[in-house]
Each structure stands twice: as structure tokens, then as C-alpha cells.
Amino acid sequence: MTTVLVTTANGDTGRPMVEYLLNRGLQVRAMVRKDDDRARRLRDSGAEVVFGDLQALRDVRAALDGVQRAYFNFPVGEGLVESAVMFAQAAKEQCLELIVNMSQIQSRPAARSKTTQNHWLSEQVFDWSRIPTTNLRVTFFMEWLTYIAELIRYGRYVMPFDADSRFAPIAARDIALTAATILAKPEGHGGRTYTLTGPVEYTHRELAAEVSRVLGKDLPFEQTTVTTFLDLIGMPDDTAKLRHFEAVTIDQQEGRLAGISDVAPTIIGHRLSTVGDFVNEHRSLFELEYACKEDDCAAV
């Protein structure tokens, strides 16, 4: 039976991907950093859970041993290209049938963001390995909204990006289902690069208005600096995100995240989640009354 390795299996795309692949009858090996409740839930779902570091060749080789297909996803931060090299080498040793590689919509060699440029370099690494690879160039996740959930609860919608920059956010579950569909039936997908977006394009101001409409509360768009934004969401010392978000601000001004792609719904065979769907699914994160009930605090 085919075994698929899912890296960062506790992440926003990893968790649902494990679920989808298991439901399709494939064996799944889920790679995580540590043994915790999230790892236990993966085991309980039927996945084989292995522990390791994507920046350690020994761990990567062990994780890929006996695997036929794999999903490679590296979080924003240092070490992406080195990890891609190690992953490609270990995949080549195992003669993998397919790698699905998570990349960024604005991936290009002259990217301002080192993170974005590293995604492009990683695409080249997998190409050089000659392991059939599908690159998923993905726009902003709808999960971005959860970064500012606490602010939204108190009537603020804050972003570090220009109000009129355009993009079409996509739910992580839809990315996961797209990747899982490719991994379950890889014929025709090797060597392809796909752009994945959500179904509706917004400006940041329009997205704030849509979230306001769904929640039934006034959320005027506020733009702040990247430094202030990272302070507000509890990441004041994350230099990698600071530099990346500053570069992405310019990418958006240049229209590099604009536009809508029909690749994801074509591959999975049904419509994608809308912002309304996402906000309603996670409504408890965005409404103060829900938070108070969970914390047993006084009604407001």
C-alpha cells in the first residue's frame, strides 16, 4: 500500500491533509517536532507519527524511509533551502514517486523577501533532484484572520498592508484537499506548478467589510506598521516575519498577489470555502461573547 509522508503535520494544512489521505485509503506517516496532544490526535486518527527536525538529515532520511510520496512544507523562518536540499536528497535515495511542495504565489528569483526567494530556490532544488514535484504557489491563507482574532473581538481590524492592495485568500483546508488529491492520484501532476487562490478577490478594506458583515459588527480597516502589527499579535521579536511582511507589502502594491485561479476547485471538484464560510466556522474566535463563555467571565 502507498505511504505518504506529511511534514509539519500539526500545521494548518498538515492536520486536514492527514485526515483526507486516510479517508482515501492511503497510509500516512505524519512528521512532527514533539509528542503532545496534537501528536496523540494524529495517532488516534490512524496515522503513523514520527518525530524529527526538517533541518536534520538523519531525521529526514528516517521519515522518508519506505515512503512513496511526500508533502514538503517549511514554516516562515531560516533554513528553508537547506531543508529542501536534505529532503530532495533523501527523497532521491528512496526513489519517491512524487513530492508536493508548498511555495508562495509571488515566488521568483528577484524577490525582495528572502523567504519568498528561498521558496523559489527550493522549487529549483526539487527540479534538479529529478523527483517528480508539484509546486503549489499559494496566496495568503484565510487563517491570517486568526492572527487578529483578539483584536476583532474588541472591534478592531488591523493589518500592516495597504487598504487597496488586492488578493484572494484561501482556506488552509482547501489547500490541504488540493495537495491530498494530487498525492492520492499523482498522474499528470509531476513537474507542474500551480497557483492556488481563494474564490473571491478583495482589497484589505473590502475584506474587513466582509468580516464585519458576517459578524454583524463594525470593523473599520486600520493600517499600521509591520513592527506595530507584530507587537499586537504577540510576535515582537520575529525578525524573519518582520522582513518578510515588509517585502510582501511592496509585493501587494505591485499587484503580485492579485487575481483568481481556478486550479484548486478544478482539482478537488467542488467550490472553495468563502470568507463567510471561514468566519462562521471559527466564529467563537471572533466574538467576545464566545470568549467570555469559554473563560467563564462576566457578560459584556
Foldseek 3Di string as FASTA:
>chain_A
DAEEEEEPLLDQLNVLLLVLLVVLPHAYEYEDADDDPSQVVSVVSPHHYDHDDLLDLVRLLVRCVPHAEYEDDDDQDPDLLNSLLSNLVSCLVVLHQEYEYEAALLQDCPAQAPSSNSRNNSVVSNVVSVRFYEYEHEYAALCVVLLCQVVLQVQEAEDQADQFQKAAHAHSSLVNLLVSLCRSPVPPRGPYYHYAGADDMDGNQVLQVVLCVLLVHHYGYDHDHLQVSCVNSVNNPRVSVNSVRVSVNVCRVVRSRDDHDCVSCVSNVHHGDHSSNVCVVVVLSRHPQSVCVVVVHDDD
